[in-house]
N, C-alpha and C. Protein backbone atom coordinates (compact mmCIF):
# COMPACT_ATOMS: atom_id res chain seq x y z
N UNK A 1 0.78 -1.15 0.00
CA UNK A 1 0.00 -0.01 0.01
C UNK A 1 0.84 1.25 0.01
N UNK A 2 1.91 1.18 0.48
CA UNK A 2 2.77 2.31 0.53
C UNK A 2 3.07 2.78 -0.89
N UNK A 3 3.21 1.84 -1.83
CA UNK A 3 3.45 2.24 -3.22
C UNK A 3 2.21 2.94 -3.78
N UNK A 4 1.07 2.41 -3.46
CA UNK A 4 -0.16 3.04 -3.94
C UNK A 4 -0.28 4.46 -3.38
N UNK A 5 0.06 4.56 -2.13
CA UNK A 5 -0.06 5.84 -1.49
C UNK A 5 0.97 6.79 -2.08
N UNK A 6 2.16 6.29 -2.35
CA UNK A 6 3.22 7.08 -2.91
C UNK A 6 2.83 7.52 -4.32
N UNK A 7 2.28 6.60 -5.11
CA UNK A 7 1.82 6.93 -6.48
C UNK A 7 0.66 7.93 -6.40
N UNK A 8 -0.21 7.71 -5.48
CA UNK A 8 -1.33 8.59 -5.35
C UNK A 8 -0.88 10.01 -4.93
N UNK A 9 0.11 10.07 -4.03
CA UNK A 9 0.63 11.36 -3.60
C UNK A 9 1.36 12.05 -4.76
N UNK A 10 2.14 11.25 -5.53
CA UNK A 10 2.81 11.82 -6.67
C UNK A 10 1.83 12.32 -7.69
N UNK A 11 0.77 11.53 -7.93
CA UNK A 11 -0.27 11.93 -8.90
C UNK A 11 -0.95 13.17 -8.39
N UNK A 12 -1.22 13.19 -7.09
CA UNK A 12 -1.90 14.36 -6.50
C UNK A 12 -0.98 15.58 -6.63
N UNK A 13 0.29 15.39 -6.38
CA UNK A 13 1.27 16.48 -6.49
C UNK A 13 1.33 16.96 -7.93
N UNK A 14 1.34 16.02 -8.87
CA UNK A 14 1.36 16.37 -10.30
C UNK A 14 0.10 17.12 -10.70
N UNK A 15 -1.02 16.68 -10.18
CA UNK A 15 -2.30 17.36 -10.47
C UNK A 15 -2.25 18.76 -9.90
N UNK A 16 -1.75 18.91 -8.68
CA UNK A 16 -1.66 20.22 -8.06
C UNK A 16 -0.71 21.13 -8.85
N UNK A 17 0.44 20.54 -9.28
CA UNK A 17 1.38 21.32 -10.07
C UNK A 17 0.73 21.73 -11.38
N UNK A 18 0.04 20.82 -12.07
CA UNK A 18 -0.64 21.13 -13.33
C UNK A 18 -1.73 22.18 -13.10
N UNK A 19 -2.44 21.98 -12.01
CA UNK A 19 -3.50 22.95 -11.65
C UNK A 19 -2.90 24.33 -11.40
N UNK A 20 -1.76 24.35 -10.68
CA UNK A 20 -1.08 25.62 -10.39
C UNK A 20 -0.57 26.23 -11.69
N UNK A 21 0.04 25.40 -12.56
CA UNK A 21 0.47 25.90 -13.86
C UNK A 21 -0.68 26.44 -14.68
N UNK A 22 -1.79 25.68 -14.68
CA UNK A 22 -2.97 26.09 -15.43
C UNK A 22 -3.53 27.38 -14.85
N UNK A 23 -3.51 27.44 -13.51
CA UNK A 23 -4.03 28.66 -12.83
C UNK A 23 -3.12 29.86 -13.20
N UNK A 24 -1.81 29.62 -13.18
CA UNK A 24 -0.87 30.70 -13.51
C UNK A 24 -1.05 31.13 -14.98
N UNK A 25 -1.20 30.12 -15.86
CA UNK A 25 -1.39 30.43 -17.30
C UNK A 25 -2.71 31.18 -17.46
N UNK A 26 -3.75 30.76 -16.79
CA UNK A 26 -5.06 31.42 -16.92
C UNK A 26 -4.95 32.86 -16.40
N UNK A 27 -4.27 33.04 -15.28
CA UNK A 27 -4.09 34.42 -14.75
C UNK A 27 -3.28 35.26 -15.72
N UNK A 28 -2.24 34.65 -16.35
CA UNK A 28 -1.45 35.39 -17.33
C UNK A 28 -2.28 35.73 -18.57
N UNK A 29 -3.12 34.79 -19.01
CA UNK A 29 -4.00 35.02 -20.15
C UNK A 29 -4.99 36.15 -19.81
N UNK A 30 -5.56 36.11 -18.62
CA UNK A 30 -6.50 37.15 -18.21
C UNK A 30 -5.79 38.49 -18.09
N UNK A 31 -4.58 38.49 -17.54
CA UNK A 31 -3.80 39.72 -17.39
C UNK A 31 -3.47 40.30 -18.77
N UNK A 32 -3.03 39.42 -19.68
CA UNK A 32 -2.75 39.87 -21.04
C UNK A 32 -4.00 40.41 -21.72
N UNK A 33 -5.12 39.72 -21.52
CA UNK A 33 -6.39 40.16 -22.13
C UNK A 33 -6.79 41.53 -21.53
N UNK A 34 -6.63 41.67 -20.23
CA UNK A 34 -6.97 42.95 -19.58
C UNK A 34 -6.06 44.08 -20.13
N UNK A 35 -4.75 43.73 -20.28
CA UNK A 35 -3.81 44.72 -20.78
C UNK A 35 -4.17 45.12 -22.21
N UNK A 36 -4.50 44.16 -23.07
CA UNK A 36 -4.89 44.46 -24.45
C UNK A 36 -6.22 45.25 -24.45
N UNK A 37 -7.14 44.89 -23.58
CA UNK A 37 -8.42 45.60 -23.52
C UNK A 37 -8.20 47.03 -23.04
N UNK A 38 -7.32 47.22 -22.04
CA UNK A 38 -7.03 48.56 -21.57
C UNK A 38 -6.32 49.40 -22.64
N UNK A 39 -5.38 48.78 -23.35
CA UNK A 39 -4.70 49.47 -24.47
C UNK A 39 -5.68 49.86 -25.53
N UNK A 40 -6.60 48.97 -25.88
CA UNK A 40 -7.62 49.24 -26.88
C UNK A 40 -8.56 50.36 -26.40
N UNK A 41 -8.93 50.30 -25.11
CA UNK A 41 -9.77 51.32 -24.53
C UNK A 41 -9.05 52.68 -24.51
N UNK A 42 -7.76 52.67 -24.08
CA UNK A 42 -6.98 53.92 -24.09
C UNK A 42 -6.84 54.48 -25.52
N UNK A 43 -6.59 53.62 -26.47
CA UNK A 43 -6.45 54.06 -27.85
C UNK A 43 -7.75 54.68 -28.36
N UNK A 44 -8.83 54.01 -28.10
CA UNK A 44 -10.14 54.52 -28.56
C UNK A 44 -10.48 55.84 -27.84
N UNK A 45 -10.15 55.95 -26.55
CA UNK A 45 -10.39 57.17 -25.80
C UNK A 45 -9.59 58.33 -26.40
N UNK A 46 -8.30 58.05 -26.75
CA UNK A 46 -7.47 59.09 -27.37
C UNK A 46 -8.06 59.50 -28.72
N UNK A 47 -8.51 58.52 -29.50
CA UNK A 47 -9.15 58.84 -30.79
C UNK A 47 -10.37 59.71 -30.62
N UNK A 48 -11.21 59.35 -29.67
CA UNK A 48 -12.41 60.14 -29.44
C UNK A 48 -12.09 61.54 -28.91
N UNK A 49 -11.08 61.63 -28.05
CA UNK A 49 -10.67 62.94 -27.55
C UNK A 49 -10.10 63.80 -28.68
N UNK A 50 -9.30 63.19 -29.56
CA UNK A 50 -8.76 63.92 -30.71
C UNK A 50 -9.90 64.38 -31.62
N UNK A 51 -10.84 63.48 -31.86
CA UNK A 51 -11.98 63.86 -32.72
C UNK A 51 -12.80 64.96 -32.05
N UNK A 52 -12.96 64.90 -30.73
CA UNK A 52 -13.70 65.94 -30.03
C UNK A 52 -12.98 67.27 -30.10
N UNK A 53 -11.67 67.26 -29.92
CA UNK A 53 -10.87 68.48 -30.03
C UNK A 53 -10.96 69.07 -31.43
N UNK A 54 -10.88 68.20 -32.42
CA UNK A 54 -10.99 68.67 -33.84
C UNK A 54 -12.35 69.29 -34.08
N UNK A 55 -13.39 68.69 -33.57
CA UNK A 55 -14.74 69.26 -33.72
C UNK A 55 -14.86 70.59 -33.02
N UNK A 56 -14.26 70.69 -31.82
CA UNK A 56 -14.27 71.96 -31.11
C UNK A 56 -13.54 73.05 -31.92
N UNK A 57 -12.41 72.69 -32.50
CA UNK A 57 -11.65 73.66 -33.32
C UNK A 57 -12.51 74.07 -34.53
N UNK A 58 -13.12 73.09 -35.20
CA UNK A 58 -14.00 73.42 -36.35
C UNK A 58 -15.16 74.29 -35.94
N UNK A 59 -15.77 73.95 -34.81
CA UNK A 59 -16.90 74.74 -34.32
C UNK A 59 -16.47 76.19 -33.99
N UNK A 60 -15.32 76.31 -33.32
CA UNK A 60 -14.82 77.67 -33.00
C UNK A 60 -14.50 78.46 -34.28
N UNK A 61 -13.88 77.77 -35.23
CA UNK A 61 -13.56 78.44 -36.50
C UNK A 61 -14.82 78.87 -37.23
N UNK A 62 -15.80 77.98 -37.24
CA UNK A 62 -17.09 78.33 -37.90
C UNK A 62 -17.73 79.49 -37.18
N UNK A 63 -17.70 79.49 -35.86
CA UNK A 63 -18.29 80.59 -35.09
C UNK A 63 -17.52 81.88 -35.33
N UNK A 64 -16.18 81.80 -35.37
CA UNK A 64 -15.37 83.00 -35.66
C UNK A 64 -15.69 83.53 -37.06
N UNK A 65 -15.77 82.65 -38.04
CA UNK A 65 -16.11 83.07 -39.40
C UNK A 65 -17.47 83.74 -39.44
N UNK A 66 -18.44 83.13 -38.80
CA UNK A 66 -19.79 83.68 -38.78
C UNK A 66 -19.80 85.03 -38.07
N UNK A 67 -19.09 85.11 -36.94
CA UNK A 67 -19.01 86.37 -36.23
C UNK A 67 -18.36 87.46 -37.05
N UNK A 68 -17.26 87.09 -37.72
CA UNK A 68 -16.57 88.07 -38.59
C UNK A 68 -17.47 88.48 -39.77
N UNK A 69 -18.18 87.53 -40.31
CA UNK A 69 -19.09 87.84 -41.42
C UNK A 69 -20.20 88.79 -40.95
N UNK A 70 -20.72 88.55 -39.76
CA UNK A 70 -21.75 89.43 -39.25
C UNK A 70 -21.22 90.81 -38.94
N UNK A 71 -19.99 90.85 -38.37
CA UNK A 71 -19.36 92.17 -38.09
C UNK A 71 -19.11 92.92 -39.41
N UNK A 72 -18.62 92.20 -40.41
CA UNK A 72 -18.37 92.83 -41.72
C UNK A 72 -19.65 93.32 -42.33
N UNK A 73 -20.69 92.50 -42.25
CA UNK A 73 -21.99 92.89 -42.81
C UNK A 73 -22.53 94.11 -42.06
N UNK A 74 -22.41 94.10 -40.75
CA UNK A 74 -22.89 95.23 -39.96
C UNK A 74 -22.07 96.49 -40.29
N UNK A 75 -20.75 96.31 -40.41
CA UNK A 75 -19.87 97.43 -40.75
C UNK A 75 -20.22 97.98 -42.11
N UNK A 76 -20.43 97.09 -43.09
CA UNK A 76 -20.80 97.53 -44.44
C UNK A 76 -22.13 98.27 -44.39
N UNK A 77 -23.06 97.72 -43.66
CA UNK A 77 -24.38 98.34 -43.56
C UNK A 77 -24.28 99.73 -42.89
N UNK A 78 -23.47 99.81 -41.83
CA UNK A 78 -23.32 101.10 -41.15
C UNK A 78 -22.56 102.08 -42.03
N UNK A 79 -21.60 101.57 -42.83
CA UNK A 79 -20.89 102.43 -43.75
C UNK A 79 -21.81 103.01 -44.81
N UNK A 80 -22.64 102.13 -45.37
CA UNK A 80 -23.61 102.58 -46.38
C UNK A 80 -24.53 103.63 -45.74
N UNK A 81 -24.96 103.35 -44.54
CA UNK A 81 -25.84 104.28 -43.84
C UNK A 81 -25.14 105.61 -43.56
N UNK A 82 -23.86 105.55 -43.18
CA UNK A 82 -23.12 106.79 -42.92
C UNK A 82 -23.00 107.63 -44.18
N UNK A 83 -22.72 106.98 -45.31
CA UNK A 83 -22.62 107.76 -46.56
C UNK A 83 -23.98 108.28 -46.98
N UNK A 84 -25.02 107.51 -46.75
CA UNK A 84 -26.36 107.96 -47.11
C UNK A 84 -26.76 109.19 -46.27
N UNK A 85 -26.48 109.13 -44.98
CA UNK A 85 -26.78 110.27 -44.09
C UNK A 85 -25.96 111.48 -44.53
N UNK A 86 -24.69 111.27 -44.88
CA UNK A 86 -23.85 112.37 -45.34
C UNK A 86 -24.41 112.98 -46.61
N UNK A 87 -24.84 112.11 -47.52
CA UNK A 87 -25.40 112.60 -48.78
C UNK A 87 -26.70 113.40 -48.51
N UNK A 88 -27.54 112.91 -47.63
CA UNK A 88 -28.77 113.62 -47.28
C UNK A 88 -28.45 114.97 -46.66
N UNK A 89 -27.43 115.01 -45.82
CA UNK A 89 -27.01 116.27 -45.22
C UNK A 89 -26.55 117.24 -46.31
N UNK A 90 -25.75 116.75 -47.25
CA UNK A 90 -25.29 117.60 -48.35
C UNK A 90 -26.45 118.15 -49.17
N UNK A 91 -27.44 117.29 -49.46
CA UNK A 91 -28.61 117.73 -50.22
C UNK A 91 -29.40 118.78 -49.44
N UNK A 92 -29.47 118.60 -48.12
CA UNK A 92 -30.22 119.57 -47.33
C UNK A 92 -29.46 120.88 -47.15
N UNK A 93 -28.15 120.86 -47.36
CA UNK A 93 -27.36 122.08 -47.17
C UNK A 93 -27.68 123.15 -48.23
N UNK A 94 -28.32 122.77 -49.33
CA UNK A 94 -28.61 123.75 -50.39
C UNK A 94 -29.60 124.81 -49.93
N UNK A 95 -30.31 124.56 -48.84
CA UNK A 95 -31.26 125.54 -48.32
C UNK A 95 -30.66 126.39 -47.20
N UNK A 96 -29.40 126.10 -46.84
CA UNK A 96 -28.79 126.86 -45.74
C UNK A 96 -28.34 128.24 -46.22
N UNK A 97 -28.29 129.21 -45.33
CA UNK A 97 -27.86 130.56 -45.72
C UNK A 97 -26.39 130.60 -46.17
N UNK A 98 -25.59 129.63 -45.76
CA UNK A 98 -24.20 129.58 -46.13
C UNK A 98 -23.95 128.97 -47.50
N UNK A 99 -24.99 128.41 -48.11
CA UNK A 99 -24.82 127.69 -49.37
C UNK A 99 -24.24 128.58 -50.49
N UNK A 100 -24.65 129.85 -50.65
CA UNK A 100 -24.04 130.66 -51.70
C UNK A 100 -22.52 130.80 -51.54
N UNK A 101 -22.04 130.88 -50.29
CA UNK A 101 -20.61 130.95 -50.03
C UNK A 101 -19.91 129.65 -50.45
N UNK A 102 -20.55 128.53 -50.17
CA UNK A 102 -20.01 127.24 -50.57
C UNK A 102 -19.93 127.17 -52.08
N UNK A 103 -21.03 127.59 -52.73
CA UNK A 103 -21.04 127.60 -54.22
C UNK A 103 -19.97 128.52 -54.78
N UNK A 104 -19.75 129.66 -54.14
CA UNK A 104 -18.70 130.58 -54.61
C UNK A 104 -17.34 129.88 -54.62
N UNK A 105 -17.08 129.09 -53.57
CA UNK A 105 -15.80 128.37 -53.50
C UNK A 105 -15.75 127.29 -54.59
N UNK A 106 -16.86 126.58 -54.82
CA UNK A 106 -16.88 125.57 -55.86
C UNK A 106 -16.70 126.18 -57.24
N UNK A 107 -17.34 127.32 -57.48
CA UNK A 107 -17.22 127.98 -58.78
C UNK A 107 -15.79 128.50 -58.95
N UNK A 108 -15.22 129.10 -57.90
CA UNK A 108 -13.84 129.62 -57.98
C UNK A 108 -12.86 128.49 -58.29
N UNK A 109 -13.02 127.35 -57.67
CA UNK A 109 -12.16 126.21 -57.95
C UNK A 109 -12.30 125.77 -59.38
N UNK A 110 -13.57 125.74 -59.86
CA UNK A 110 -13.82 125.36 -61.25
C UNK A 110 -13.20 126.33 -62.23
N UNK A 111 -13.25 127.62 -61.91
CA UNK A 111 -12.71 128.66 -62.77
C UNK A 111 -11.17 128.58 -62.84
N UNK A 112 -10.56 128.06 -61.83
CA UNK A 112 -9.10 127.86 -61.86
C UNK A 112 -8.73 126.82 -62.92
N UNK A 113 -9.58 125.81 -63.11
CA UNK A 113 -9.34 124.78 -64.10
C UNK A 113 -9.84 125.21 -65.49
N UNK A 114 -10.97 125.91 -65.49
CA UNK A 114 -11.60 126.32 -66.75
C UNK A 114 -11.86 127.85 -66.69
N UNK A 115 -10.78 128.66 -66.79
CA UNK A 115 -10.94 130.11 -66.59
C UNK A 115 -11.80 130.81 -67.63
N UNK A 116 -11.92 130.21 -68.82
CA UNK A 116 -12.70 130.86 -69.89
C UNK A 116 -14.13 130.31 -69.96
N UNK A 117 -14.64 129.81 -68.84
CA UNK A 117 -16.01 129.27 -68.84
C UNK A 117 -16.99 130.36 -69.25
N UNK A 118 -18.00 129.95 -70.02
CA UNK A 118 -19.01 130.91 -70.47
C UNK A 118 -20.36 130.67 -69.86
N UNK A 119 -20.53 129.48 -69.24
CA UNK A 119 -21.83 129.16 -68.65
C UNK A 119 -21.63 128.34 -67.36
N UNK A 120 -22.63 128.41 -66.52
CA UNK A 120 -22.65 127.58 -65.33
C UNK A 120 -24.00 126.87 -65.28
N UNK A 121 -23.96 125.58 -64.99
CA UNK A 121 -25.21 124.78 -64.90
C UNK A 121 -25.41 124.31 -63.48
N UNK A 122 -26.70 124.27 -63.10
CA UNK A 122 -27.06 123.74 -61.78
C UNK A 122 -28.55 123.41 -61.80
N UNK A 123 -29.00 122.72 -60.75
CA UNK A 123 -30.42 122.40 -60.64
C UNK A 123 -31.17 123.71 -60.44
N UNK A 124 -32.40 123.76 -60.94
CA UNK A 124 -33.20 124.97 -60.90
C UNK A 124 -33.35 125.50 -59.49
N UNK A 125 -33.54 124.59 -58.52
CA UNK A 125 -33.72 125.01 -57.12
C UNK A 125 -32.49 125.69 -56.52
N UNK A 126 -31.36 125.59 -57.16
CA UNK A 126 -30.14 126.18 -56.64
C UNK A 126 -29.73 127.47 -57.39
N UNK A 127 -30.54 127.89 -58.34
CA UNK A 127 -30.17 129.05 -59.16
C UNK A 127 -29.99 130.35 -58.36
N UNK A 128 -30.86 130.60 -57.37
CA UNK A 128 -30.69 131.81 -56.58
C UNK A 128 -29.34 131.81 -55.86
N UNK A 129 -28.97 130.67 -55.29
CA UNK A 129 -27.68 130.58 -54.60
C UNK A 129 -26.53 130.73 -55.58
N UNK A 130 -26.67 130.20 -56.80
CA UNK A 130 -25.63 130.34 -57.82
C UNK A 130 -25.47 131.82 -58.21
N UNK A 131 -26.58 132.52 -58.37
CA UNK A 131 -26.52 133.96 -58.72
C UNK A 131 -25.79 134.71 -57.59
N UNK A 132 -26.12 134.42 -56.36
CA UNK A 132 -25.46 135.09 -55.22
C UNK A 132 -23.96 134.78 -55.22
N UNK A 133 -23.62 133.52 -55.54
CA UNK A 133 -22.20 133.12 -55.54
C UNK A 133 -21.46 133.84 -56.67
N UNK A 134 -22.07 133.93 -57.83
CA UNK A 134 -21.44 134.65 -58.96
C UNK A 134 -21.26 136.13 -58.62
N UNK A 135 -22.24 136.70 -57.92
CA UNK A 135 -22.13 138.12 -57.53
C UNK A 135 -20.97 138.30 -56.54
N UNK A 136 -20.82 137.36 -55.60
CA UNK A 136 -19.71 137.42 -54.65
C UNK A 136 -18.34 137.37 -55.38
N UNK A 137 -18.32 136.58 -56.45
CA UNK A 137 -17.08 136.45 -57.23
C UNK A 137 -16.89 137.58 -58.24
N UNK A 138 -17.94 138.37 -58.45
CA UNK A 138 -17.89 139.45 -59.42
C UNK A 138 -17.85 138.87 -60.86
N UNK A 139 -18.48 137.76 -61.09
CA UNK A 139 -18.50 137.13 -62.40
C UNK A 139 -19.92 137.08 -62.95
N UNK A 140 -20.05 137.19 -64.24
CA UNK A 140 -21.32 136.99 -64.91
C UNK A 140 -21.15 135.87 -65.93
N UNK A 141 -21.88 134.82 -65.71
CA UNK A 141 -21.87 133.68 -66.61
C UNK A 141 -23.31 133.36 -66.97
N UNK A 142 -23.51 132.79 -68.12
CA UNK A 142 -24.82 132.33 -68.52
C UNK A 142 -25.23 131.21 -67.57
N UNK A 143 -26.40 131.32 -66.96
CA UNK A 143 -26.89 130.34 -65.98
C UNK A 143 -27.89 129.42 -66.67
N UNK A 144 -27.59 128.12 -66.66
CA UNK A 144 -28.45 127.14 -67.32
C UNK A 144 -28.98 126.08 -66.33
N UNK A 145 -30.14 125.56 -66.67
CA UNK A 145 -30.75 124.53 -65.83
C UNK A 145 -30.19 123.16 -66.25
N UNK A 146 -29.76 122.41 -65.24
CA UNK A 146 -29.34 121.01 -65.46
C UNK A 146 -29.71 120.26 -64.18
N UNK A 147 -30.79 119.54 -64.19
CA UNK A 147 -31.29 118.87 -62.97
C UNK A 147 -30.40 117.71 -62.53
N UNK A 148 -29.44 117.35 -63.32
CA UNK A 148 -28.50 116.31 -62.90
C UNK A 148 -27.38 116.88 -62.03
N UNK A 149 -27.23 118.19 -62.04
CA UNK A 149 -26.19 118.85 -61.26
C UNK A 149 -26.83 119.37 -59.98
N UNK A 150 -26.65 118.64 -58.89
CA UNK A 150 -27.21 119.04 -57.59
C UNK A 150 -26.08 119.16 -56.61
N UNK A 151 -26.23 120.02 -55.66
CA UNK A 151 -25.24 120.35 -54.60
C UNK A 151 -23.96 120.88 -55.18
N UNK A 152 -24.03 121.65 -56.26
CA UNK A 152 -22.86 122.26 -56.86
C UNK A 152 -23.14 122.77 -58.24
N UNK A 153 -22.07 122.86 -59.04
CA UNK A 153 -22.19 123.46 -60.37
C UNK A 153 -21.40 122.65 -61.39
N UNK A 154 -21.71 122.97 -62.65
CA UNK A 154 -20.91 122.45 -63.78
C UNK A 154 -20.60 123.69 -64.63
N UNK A 155 -19.32 123.97 -64.79
CA UNK A 155 -18.90 125.08 -65.62
C UNK A 155 -18.69 124.55 -67.04
N UNK A 156 -19.17 125.33 -68.01
CA UNK A 156 -19.06 124.92 -69.42
C UNK A 156 -18.20 125.92 -70.16
N UNK A 157 -17.23 125.36 -70.91
CA UNK A 157 -16.31 126.20 -71.68
C UNK A 157 -16.93 126.68 -72.96
N UNK A 158 -16.21 127.47 -73.74
CA UNK A 158 -16.71 128.03 -75.00
C UNK A 158 -17.17 126.92 -75.97
N UNK A 159 -18.34 127.12 -76.51
CA UNK A 159 -18.90 126.16 -77.45
C UNK A 159 -19.30 124.83 -76.83
N UNK A 160 -19.24 124.74 -75.52
CA UNK A 160 -19.64 123.50 -74.82
C UNK A 160 -18.68 122.35 -75.02
N UNK A 161 -17.46 122.64 -75.53
CA UNK A 161 -16.51 121.57 -75.81
C UNK A 161 -15.80 121.06 -74.57
N UNK A 162 -15.78 121.83 -73.55
CA UNK A 162 -15.13 121.42 -72.29
C UNK A 162 -16.01 121.81 -71.11
N UNK A 163 -15.90 121.06 -70.03
CA UNK A 163 -16.65 121.40 -68.87
C UNK A 163 -15.99 120.78 -67.64
N UNK A 164 -16.35 121.31 -66.51
CA UNK A 164 -15.85 120.76 -65.24
C UNK A 164 -17.01 120.82 -64.24
N UNK A 165 -17.18 119.71 -63.56
CA UNK A 165 -18.26 119.61 -62.59
C UNK A 165 -17.66 119.63 -61.20
N UNK A 166 -18.23 120.41 -60.31
CA UNK A 166 -17.75 120.52 -58.95
C UNK A 166 -18.96 120.56 -58.02
N UNK A 167 -19.28 119.40 -57.43
CA UNK A 167 -20.43 119.29 -56.55
C UNK A 167 -20.01 118.67 -55.22
N UNK A 168 -20.78 118.97 -54.19
CA UNK A 168 -20.50 118.39 -52.87
C UNK A 168 -20.66 116.87 -52.90
N UNK A 169 -21.73 116.40 -53.51
CA UNK A 169 -21.96 114.94 -53.55
C UNK A 169 -20.89 114.26 -54.41
N UNK A 170 -20.45 114.94 -55.45
CA UNK A 170 -19.35 114.38 -56.28
C UNK A 170 -18.06 114.25 -55.48
N UNK A 171 -17.80 115.23 -54.64
CA UNK A 171 -16.61 115.18 -53.78
C UNK A 171 -16.72 114.03 -52.80
N UNK A 172 -17.92 113.87 -52.22
CA UNK A 172 -18.13 112.76 -51.28
C UNK A 172 -17.87 111.44 -52.01
N UNK A 173 -18.37 111.31 -53.21
CA UNK A 173 -18.19 110.07 -53.97
C UNK A 173 -16.71 109.83 -54.28
N UNK A 174 -15.95 110.91 -54.58
CA UNK A 174 -14.54 110.74 -54.88
C UNK A 174 -13.72 110.30 -53.68
N UNK A 175 -14.12 110.69 -52.48
CA UNK A 175 -13.36 110.31 -51.28
C UNK A 175 -13.91 109.08 -50.60
N UNK A 176 -14.97 108.53 -51.13
CA UNK A 176 -15.61 107.33 -50.52
C UNK A 176 -14.57 106.22 -50.30
N UNK A 177 -13.79 105.93 -51.33
CA UNK A 177 -12.79 104.86 -51.21
C UNK A 177 -11.74 105.14 -50.15
N UNK A 178 -11.36 106.40 -50.01
CA UNK A 178 -10.38 106.77 -48.98
C UNK A 178 -11.00 106.76 -47.58
N UNK A 179 -12.25 107.13 -47.51
CA UNK A 179 -12.90 107.19 -46.18
C UNK A 179 -13.36 105.84 -45.67
N UNK A 180 -13.67 104.92 -46.59
CA UNK A 180 -14.23 103.62 -46.19
C UNK A 180 -13.34 102.91 -45.14
N UNK A 181 -12.02 102.81 -45.35
CA UNK A 181 -11.23 102.11 -44.33
C UNK A 181 -11.22 102.84 -42.99
N UNK A 182 -11.24 104.15 -43.02
CA UNK A 182 -11.26 104.93 -41.80
C UNK A 182 -12.58 104.71 -41.03
N UNK A 183 -13.66 104.69 -41.80
CA UNK A 183 -14.98 104.45 -41.19
C UNK A 183 -15.02 103.04 -40.60
N UNK A 184 -14.51 102.05 -41.35
CA UNK A 184 -14.47 100.67 -40.85
C UNK A 184 -13.69 100.60 -39.55
N UNK A 185 -12.53 101.29 -39.51
CA UNK A 185 -11.72 101.27 -38.31
C UNK A 185 -12.49 101.92 -37.13
N UNK A 186 -13.13 103.04 -37.39
CA UNK A 186 -13.91 103.68 -36.33
C UNK A 186 -15.02 102.79 -35.85
N UNK A 187 -15.70 102.10 -36.75
CA UNK A 187 -16.80 101.23 -36.36
C UNK A 187 -16.26 100.02 -35.56
N UNK A 188 -15.07 99.54 -35.91
CA UNK A 188 -14.51 98.40 -35.20
C UNK A 188 -14.11 98.79 -33.78
N UNK A 189 -13.69 100.05 -33.61
CA UNK A 189 -13.29 100.49 -32.27
C UNK A 189 -14.50 100.68 -31.39
């Protein structure tokens, strides 16, 4: 019986050793699986975080673009409004008591360029102011109606072959390009 017991103990020891080896291998397999699962989870988490950050950047960029577009649109709208108000003010200035003095300066400037002018054209509603301006300058020119010439005058040379137009709204139009950036800057501030 001692041999049976010895064989049984050896078999039991072998079973225990195999069981311990199997247990160790199973624990290693589980540990490896956990490590691979954690690595996969970490990788996927990084991918999702990268995608989230990219979406945030895109969303911020889109919001910035939209905000800039709205500011630009508002600035353009305010600029158009500023020029419209300026133009309305210039048109209303033709009824001011100072308007003949303004016309005298416009006519004098025109006469510097076209000294042999024989006629002056303006809108009918401005003829009284033109007459006063010509009187201030001590000049007599043929006064003609031209309803396209408002807020100023058009001087016509001999035979109508040359002319020069000098109006307040024309001056505003000529400086519009120069004033636009300054107005934009003021609006931005």
